[in-house]
Amino acid sequence: MRIGEAARLSGLEASAIRFYETRGIVPVPNRTGAGYRDYSTNEVELLRFVRRLRSLELPLDDVREIVGLRVDDQAPCASVRTALARETAAIDQQIEDLHRLRDELRRLQMAAEQITDEWPTTCVCHVLQPAGAD
């Protein structure tokens, strides 16, 4: 089947398929005599798998490694577990960072509600001045 049909069946845009091919994420399919890409059902399944990995926002390097193992008829499950654990830890860290930021913003908001709009001319806004900088 041609790229349009492979795109429709895999849920990817044709441009995404071309991108994955040029980046070595998925193998380049055979070509017809007229030069069109000719996808098999197995290649479409691989494209669906790539779409699922990317929907989890796994980095392209991880996707390339995982797909490469699958293409080489190796079980990629250990690599998938490692990638998922790494991404989960990164998200946990982002959540912690966001909680700290939210707490700081709330602290500043409460402090800002307690002060007037008059400020010394030596700063832009004393709500955001570092402690002891006035």
N, C-alpha and C. Protein backbone atom coordinates (compact mmCIF):
# COMPACT_ATOMS: atom_id res chain seq x y z
N MET A 1 0.85 -1.19 0.00
CA MET A 1 0.00 0.00 0.00
C MET A 1 0.89 1.23 0.00
N ARG A 2 0.35 2.32 -0.50
CA ARG A 2 1.09 3.58 -0.57
C ARG A 2 1.04 4.31 0.76
N ILE A 3 1.79 5.39 0.85
CA ILE A 3 1.95 6.10 2.11
C ILE A 3 0.63 6.69 2.63
N GLY A 4 -0.24 7.13 1.76
CA GLY A 4 -1.51 7.68 2.21
C GLY A 4 -2.35 6.65 2.94
N GLU A 5 -2.40 5.45 2.41
CA GLU A 5 -3.15 4.37 3.05
C GLU A 5 -2.46 3.95 4.35
N ALA A 6 -1.13 3.86 4.33
CA ALA A 6 -0.39 3.51 5.55
C ALA A 6 -0.62 4.58 6.63
N ALA A 7 -0.67 5.83 6.21
CA ALA A 7 -0.93 6.91 7.16
C ALA A 7 -2.32 6.77 7.77
N ARG A 8 -3.30 6.52 6.92
CA ARG A 8 -4.68 6.39 7.40
C ARG A 8 -4.80 5.22 8.38
N LEU A 9 -4.21 4.10 8.03
CA LEU A 9 -4.32 2.90 8.87
C LEU A 9 -3.52 3.00 10.17
N SER A 10 -2.42 3.73 10.13
CA SER A 10 -1.56 3.83 11.31
C SER A 10 -1.96 4.97 12.23
N GLY A 11 -2.73 5.93 11.71
CA GLY A 11 -3.10 7.09 12.51
C GLY A 11 -2.04 8.17 12.52
N LEU A 12 -1.07 8.06 11.64
CA LEU A 12 -0.02 9.07 11.52
C LEU A 12 -0.22 9.87 10.24
N GLU A 13 0.30 11.07 10.22
CA GLU A 13 0.32 11.85 8.98
C GLU A 13 1.42 11.30 8.08
N ALA A 14 1.24 11.43 6.79
CA ALA A 14 2.27 10.98 5.84
C ALA A 14 3.58 11.69 6.11
N SER A 15 3.50 12.98 6.46
CA SER A 15 4.72 13.73 6.75
C SER A 15 5.44 13.18 7.98
N ALA A 16 4.69 12.70 8.96
CA ALA A 16 5.30 12.09 10.15
C ALA A 16 5.99 10.79 9.77
N ILE A 17 5.36 10.01 8.91
CA ILE A 17 5.98 8.76 8.48
C ILE A 17 7.29 9.05 7.77
N ARG A 18 7.28 10.02 6.87
CA ARG A 18 8.53 10.39 6.16
C ARG A 18 9.59 10.85 7.15
N PHE A 19 9.17 11.65 8.14
CA PHE A 19 10.09 12.14 9.18
C PHE A 19 10.72 10.95 9.92
N TYR A 20 9.90 10.01 10.35
CA TYR A 20 10.42 8.85 11.07
C TYR A 20 11.37 8.03 10.20
N GLU A 21 11.08 7.96 8.92
CA GLU A 21 11.98 7.23 8.02
C GLU A 21 13.31 7.95 7.87
N THR A 22 13.28 9.26 7.67
CA THR A 22 14.54 10.00 7.48
C THR A 22 15.38 10.04 8.74
N ARG A 23 14.75 9.94 9.91
CA ARG A 23 15.47 9.95 11.18
C ARG A 23 15.90 8.55 11.62
N GLY A 24 15.59 7.56 10.82
CA GLY A 24 15.99 6.20 11.15
C GLY A 24 15.17 5.58 12.27
N ILE A 25 13.99 6.13 12.51
CA ILE A 25 13.11 5.58 13.55
C ILE A 25 12.46 4.29 13.04
N VAL A 26 12.01 4.32 11.79
CA VAL A 26 11.44 3.13 11.15
C VAL A 26 12.21 2.89 9.85
N PRO A 27 12.26 1.64 9.44
CA PRO A 27 12.95 1.34 8.18
C PRO A 27 12.21 1.96 6.98
N VAL A 28 12.97 2.31 5.99
CA VAL A 28 12.39 2.81 4.74
C VAL A 28 11.79 1.61 4.01
N PRO A 29 10.54 1.71 3.59
CA PRO A 29 9.91 0.56 2.92
C PRO A 29 10.44 0.37 1.51
N ASN A 30 10.11 -0.78 0.96
CA ASN A 30 10.44 -1.02 -0.45
C ASN A 30 9.69 -0.01 -1.31
N ARG A 31 10.16 0.15 -2.55
CA ARG A 31 9.51 1.06 -3.48
C ARG A 31 8.97 0.27 -4.67
N THR A 32 7.89 0.82 -5.21
CA THR A 32 7.33 0.22 -6.42
C THR A 32 8.22 0.59 -7.59
N GLY A 33 7.93 0.01 -8.73
CA GLY A 33 8.67 0.34 -9.94
C GLY A 33 8.56 1.81 -10.30
N ALA A 34 7.46 2.44 -9.92
CA ALA A 34 7.25 3.87 -10.19
C ALA A 34 7.89 4.75 -9.11
N GLY A 35 8.49 4.13 -8.08
CA GLY A 35 9.18 4.89 -7.05
C GLY A 35 8.33 5.22 -5.82
N TYR A 36 7.11 4.72 -5.77
CA TYR A 36 6.26 4.97 -4.59
C TYR A 36 6.66 4.05 -3.45
N ARG A 37 6.54 4.56 -2.24
CA ARG A 37 6.75 3.70 -1.07
C ARG A 37 5.65 2.63 -1.08
N ASP A 38 6.05 1.41 -0.71
CA ASP A 38 5.12 0.29 -0.71
C ASP A 38 5.14 -0.36 0.68
N TYR A 39 4.12 -0.06 1.48
CA TYR A 39 4.06 -0.52 2.87
C TYR A 39 3.33 -1.84 2.99
N SER A 40 3.86 -2.69 3.85
CA SER A 40 3.20 -3.96 4.16
C SER A 40 2.35 -3.77 5.42
N THR A 41 1.53 -4.76 5.72
CA THR A 41 0.72 -4.68 6.94
C THR A 41 1.62 -4.70 8.18
N ASN A 42 2.74 -5.41 8.11
CA ASN A 42 3.68 -5.42 9.24
C ASN A 42 4.28 -4.04 9.46
N GLU A 43 4.59 -3.34 8.39
CA GLU A 43 5.14 -1.99 8.52
C GLU A 43 4.11 -1.02 9.08
N VAL A 44 2.86 -1.21 8.72
CA VAL A 44 1.79 -0.37 9.27
C VAL A 44 1.65 -0.64 10.77
N GLU A 45 1.75 -1.90 11.17
CA GLU A 45 1.69 -2.24 12.60
C GLU A 45 2.85 -1.57 13.35
N LEU A 46 4.02 -1.56 12.74
CA LEU A 46 5.17 -0.90 13.35
C LEU A 46 4.92 0.61 13.47
N LEU A 47 4.30 1.20 12.46
CA LEU A 47 3.96 2.62 12.52
C LEU A 47 2.95 2.90 13.64
N ARG A 48 2.00 2.01 13.83
CA ARG A 48 1.05 2.16 14.94
C ARG A 48 1.78 2.10 16.29
N PHE A 49 2.75 1.20 16.36
CA PHE A 49 3.54 1.07 17.58
C PHE A 49 4.31 2.36 17.85
N VAL A 50 4.90 2.93 16.81
CA VAL A 50 5.62 4.20 16.94
C VAL A 50 4.66 5.30 17.40
N ARG A 51 3.48 5.33 16.82
CA ARG A 51 2.49 6.34 17.22
C ARG A 51 2.18 6.20 18.71
N ARG A 52 2.04 4.98 19.20
CA ARG A 52 1.75 4.75 20.62
C ARG A 52 2.91 5.22 21.50
N LEU A 53 4.13 4.89 21.11
CA LEU A 53 5.30 5.33 21.88
C LEU A 53 5.37 6.86 21.93
N ARG A 54 5.12 7.50 20.79
CA ARG A 54 5.18 8.96 20.75
C ARG A 54 4.02 9.58 21.51
N SER A 55 2.87 8.90 21.57
CA SER A 55 1.74 9.43 22.34
C SER A 55 2.08 9.46 23.82
N LEU A 56 3.03 8.64 24.24
CA LEU A 56 3.52 8.65 25.61
C LEU A 56 4.64 9.66 25.80
N GLU A 57 4.95 10.37 24.72
CA GLU A 57 5.99 11.41 24.68
C GLU A 57 7.38 10.86 24.99
N LEU A 58 7.61 9.61 24.59
CA LEU A 58 8.96 9.08 24.73
C LEU A 58 9.86 9.77 23.72
N PRO A 59 11.09 10.08 24.11
CA PRO A 59 12.02 10.74 23.19
C PRO A 59 12.30 9.89 21.95
N LEU A 60 12.62 10.57 20.87
CA LEU A 60 12.88 9.86 19.61
C LEU A 60 14.02 8.86 19.73
N ASP A 61 15.04 9.17 20.52
CA ASP A 61 16.14 8.21 20.68
C ASP A 61 15.65 6.91 21.31
N ASP A 62 14.75 7.02 22.29
CA ASP A 62 14.19 5.81 22.90
C ASP A 62 13.33 5.05 21.90
N VAL A 63 12.53 5.79 21.14
CA VAL A 63 11.67 5.15 20.14
C VAL A 63 12.53 4.44 19.10
N ARG A 64 13.60 5.09 18.67
CA ARG A 64 14.50 4.48 17.68
C ARG A 64 15.09 3.18 18.23
N GLU A 65 15.53 3.20 19.48
CA GLU A 65 16.11 2.00 20.09
C GLU A 65 15.08 0.88 20.21
N ILE A 66 13.90 1.22 20.70
CA ILE A 66 12.84 0.22 20.90
C ILE A 66 12.40 -0.38 19.57
N VAL A 67 12.18 0.46 18.58
CA VAL A 67 11.76 -0.03 17.26
C VAL A 67 12.89 -0.85 16.63
N GLY A 68 14.12 -0.39 16.80
CA GLY A 68 15.25 -1.13 16.25
C GLY A 68 15.32 -2.55 16.80
N LEU A 69 15.07 -2.69 18.09
CA LEU A 69 15.05 -4.03 18.67
C LEU A 69 13.95 -4.88 18.05
N ARG A 70 12.78 -4.27 17.90
CA ARG A 70 11.64 -5.00 17.32
C ARG A 70 11.93 -5.42 15.88
N VAL A 71 12.50 -4.51 15.11
CA VAL A 71 12.83 -4.81 13.71
C VAL A 71 13.85 -5.94 13.64
N ASP A 72 14.75 -5.99 14.63
CA ASP A 72 15.76 -7.06 14.67
C ASP A 72 15.24 -8.33 15.34
N ASP A 73 13.90 -8.42 15.48
CA ASP A 73 13.25 -9.59 16.08
C ASP A 73 13.69 -9.86 17.51
N GLN A 74 13.96 -8.79 18.26
CA GLN A 74 14.26 -8.90 19.68
C GLN A 74 13.11 -8.28 20.46
N ALA A 75 12.83 -8.82 21.60
CA ALA A 75 11.77 -8.27 22.44
C ALA A 75 12.26 -6.94 23.03
N PRO A 76 11.54 -5.86 22.78
CA PRO A 76 11.98 -4.55 23.28
C PRO A 76 11.44 -4.22 24.67
N CYS A 77 10.83 -5.18 25.33
CA CYS A 77 10.12 -4.89 26.59
C CYS A 77 11.02 -4.29 27.66
N ALA A 78 12.24 -4.77 27.81
CA ALA A 78 13.15 -4.22 28.82
C ALA A 78 13.46 -2.76 28.51
N SER A 79 13.68 -2.44 27.26
CA SER A 79 13.93 -1.05 26.88
C SER A 79 12.71 -0.18 27.10
N VAL A 80 11.53 -0.74 26.83
CA VAL A 80 10.29 0.00 27.07
C VAL A 80 10.15 0.30 28.56
N ARG A 81 10.39 -0.71 29.40
CA ARG A 81 10.29 -0.50 30.85
C ARG A 81 11.26 0.58 31.32
N THR A 82 12.49 0.54 30.83
CA THR A 82 13.50 1.53 31.22
C THR A 82 13.07 2.92 30.78
N ALA A 83 12.59 3.06 29.56
CA ALA A 83 12.16 4.36 29.05
C ALA A 83 10.97 4.89 29.83
N LEU A 84 10.01 4.02 30.13
CA LEU A 84 8.84 4.44 30.90
C LEU A 84 9.23 4.89 32.30
N ALA A 85 10.13 4.16 32.93
CA ALA A 85 10.57 4.53 34.28
C ALA A 85 11.29 5.87 34.26
N ARG A 86 12.14 6.08 33.27
CA ARG A 86 12.88 7.35 33.15
C ARG A 86 11.92 8.52 32.93
N GLU A 87 10.95 8.33 32.04
CA GLU A 87 10.00 9.41 31.76
C GLU A 87 9.08 9.68 32.95
N THR A 88 8.70 8.62 33.65
CA THR A 88 7.88 8.80 34.85
C THR A 88 8.64 9.59 35.91
N ALA A 89 9.91 9.27 36.12
CA ALA A 89 10.74 10.01 37.08
C ALA A 89 10.87 11.47 36.67
N ALA A 90 11.03 11.73 35.38
CA ALA A 90 11.15 13.11 34.91
C ALA A 90 9.85 13.88 35.15
N ILE A 91 8.74 13.23 34.92
CA ILE A 91 7.44 13.89 35.17
C ILE A 91 7.25 14.14 36.66
N ASP A 92 7.63 13.17 37.49
CA ASP A 92 7.54 13.38 38.94
C ASP A 92 8.35 14.60 39.36
N GLN A 93 9.54 14.75 38.79
CA GLN A 93 10.39 15.91 39.11
C GLN A 93 9.73 17.20 38.64
N GLN A 94 9.15 17.18 37.45
CA GLN A 94 8.45 18.37 36.95
C GLN A 94 7.28 18.74 37.86
N ILE A 95 6.57 17.74 38.33
CA ILE A 95 5.44 18.00 39.23
C ILE A 95 5.94 18.63 40.53
N GLU A 96 7.02 18.10 41.09
CA GLU A 96 7.60 18.69 42.30
C GLU A 96 8.01 20.14 42.05
N ASP A 97 8.66 20.38 40.92
CA ASP A 97 9.08 21.75 40.58
C ASP A 97 7.88 22.67 40.44
N LEU A 98 6.82 22.19 39.82
CA LEU A 98 5.61 23.00 39.66
C LEU A 98 4.94 23.28 41.00
N HIS A 99 4.95 22.31 41.90
CA HIS A 99 4.40 22.54 43.24
C HIS A 99 5.19 23.62 43.96
N ARG A 100 6.52 23.57 43.87
CA ARG A 100 7.35 24.61 44.50
C ARG A 100 7.06 25.97 43.89
N LEU A 101 6.94 26.02 42.58
CA LEU A 101 6.64 27.29 41.91
C LEU A 101 5.28 27.80 42.33
N ARG A 102 4.27 26.93 42.37
CA ARG A 102 2.94 27.34 42.80
C ARG A 102 2.98 27.90 44.22
N ASP A 103 3.70 27.23 45.11
CA ASP A 103 3.79 27.70 46.50
C ASP A 103 4.45 29.08 46.57
N GLU A 104 5.49 29.29 45.79
CA GLU A 104 6.17 30.59 45.77
C GLU A 104 5.25 31.68 45.20
N LEU A 105 4.52 31.35 44.15
CA LEU A 105 3.58 32.32 43.58
C LEU A 105 2.47 32.67 44.57
N ARG A 106 1.98 31.69 45.28
CA ARG A 106 0.95 31.95 46.30
C ARG A 106 1.50 32.83 47.41
N ARG A 107 2.73 32.53 47.84
CA ARG A 107 3.36 33.33 48.89
C ARG A 107 3.49 34.78 48.44
N LEU A 108 3.97 34.98 47.23
CA LEU A 108 4.11 36.33 46.69
C LEU A 108 2.76 37.01 46.53
N GLN A 109 1.77 36.27 46.09
CA GLN A 109 0.43 36.85 45.92
C GLN A 109 -0.12 37.32 47.27
N MET A 110 0.04 36.51 48.30
CA MET A 110 -0.45 36.91 49.63
C MET A 110 0.33 38.12 50.14
N ALA A 111 1.64 38.13 49.93
CA ALA A 111 2.45 39.27 50.36
C ALA A 111 2.03 40.52 49.58
N ALA A 112 1.76 40.37 48.31
CA ALA A 112 1.39 41.52 47.47
C ALA A 112 0.07 42.12 47.92
N GLU A 113 -0.83 41.30 48.42
CA GLU A 113 -2.13 41.81 48.87
C GLU A 113 -2.02 42.61 50.16
N GLN A 114 -0.90 42.48 50.87
CA GLN A 114 -0.72 43.16 52.15
C GLN A 114 0.03 44.49 52.02
N ILE A 115 0.51 44.81 50.83
CA ILE A 115 1.29 46.04 50.69
C ILE A 115 0.59 47.01 49.75
N THR A 116 1.01 48.25 49.84
CA THR A 116 0.42 49.29 48.99
C THR A 116 1.15 49.33 47.66
N ASP A 117 0.61 50.13 46.77
CA ASP A 117 1.23 50.27 45.45
C ASP A 117 2.34 51.32 45.45
N GLU A 118 2.61 51.92 46.59
CA GLU A 118 3.72 52.87 46.69
C GLU A 118 5.01 52.08 46.89
N TRP A 119 6.04 52.48 46.21
CA TRP A 119 7.29 51.75 46.33
C TRP A 119 8.46 52.71 46.20
N PRO A 120 9.60 52.28 46.69
CA PRO A 120 10.78 53.14 46.55
C PRO A 120 11.21 53.21 45.09
N THR A 121 11.76 54.30 44.71
CA THR A 121 12.17 54.49 43.31
C THR A 121 13.39 53.67 42.95
N THR A 122 13.96 52.95 43.89
CA THR A 122 15.16 52.16 43.60
C THR A 122 14.84 50.77 43.06
N CYS A 123 13.57 50.43 42.93
CA CYS A 123 13.22 49.11 42.41
C CYS A 123 12.04 49.24 41.45
N VAL A 124 11.81 48.22 40.68
CA VAL A 124 10.71 48.21 39.72
C VAL A 124 9.41 47.91 40.45
N CYS A 125 9.39 46.86 41.26
CA CYS A 125 8.21 46.49 42.04
C CYS A 125 8.67 45.76 43.28
N HIS A 126 8.38 46.32 44.45
CA HIS A 126 8.92 45.72 45.68
C HIS A 126 8.29 44.37 46.02
N VAL A 127 7.19 44.00 45.38
CA VAL A 127 6.61 42.67 45.61
C VAL A 127 7.60 41.59 45.17
N LEU A 128 8.32 41.85 44.10
CA LEU A 128 9.23 40.86 43.55
C LEU A 128 10.71 41.08 43.90
N GLN A 129 10.97 42.06 44.74
CA GLN A 129 12.35 42.31 45.17
C GLN A 129 12.81 41.16 46.06
N PRO A 130 14.02 40.73 45.89
CA PRO A 130 14.56 39.70 46.80
C PRO A 130 14.60 40.25 48.22
N ALA A 131 14.49 39.36 49.18
CA ALA A 131 14.51 39.78 50.58
C ALA A 131 15.78 40.56 50.87
N GLY A 132 15.62 41.70 51.55
CA GLY A 132 16.76 42.54 51.94
C GLY A 132 17.30 43.41 50.81
N ALA A 133 16.63 43.46 49.68
CA ALA A 133 17.15 44.24 48.54
C ALA A 133 16.63 45.67 48.53
N ASP A 134 15.67 46.01 49.37
CA ASP A 134 15.12 47.39 49.38
C ASP A 134 16.08 48.40 49.87
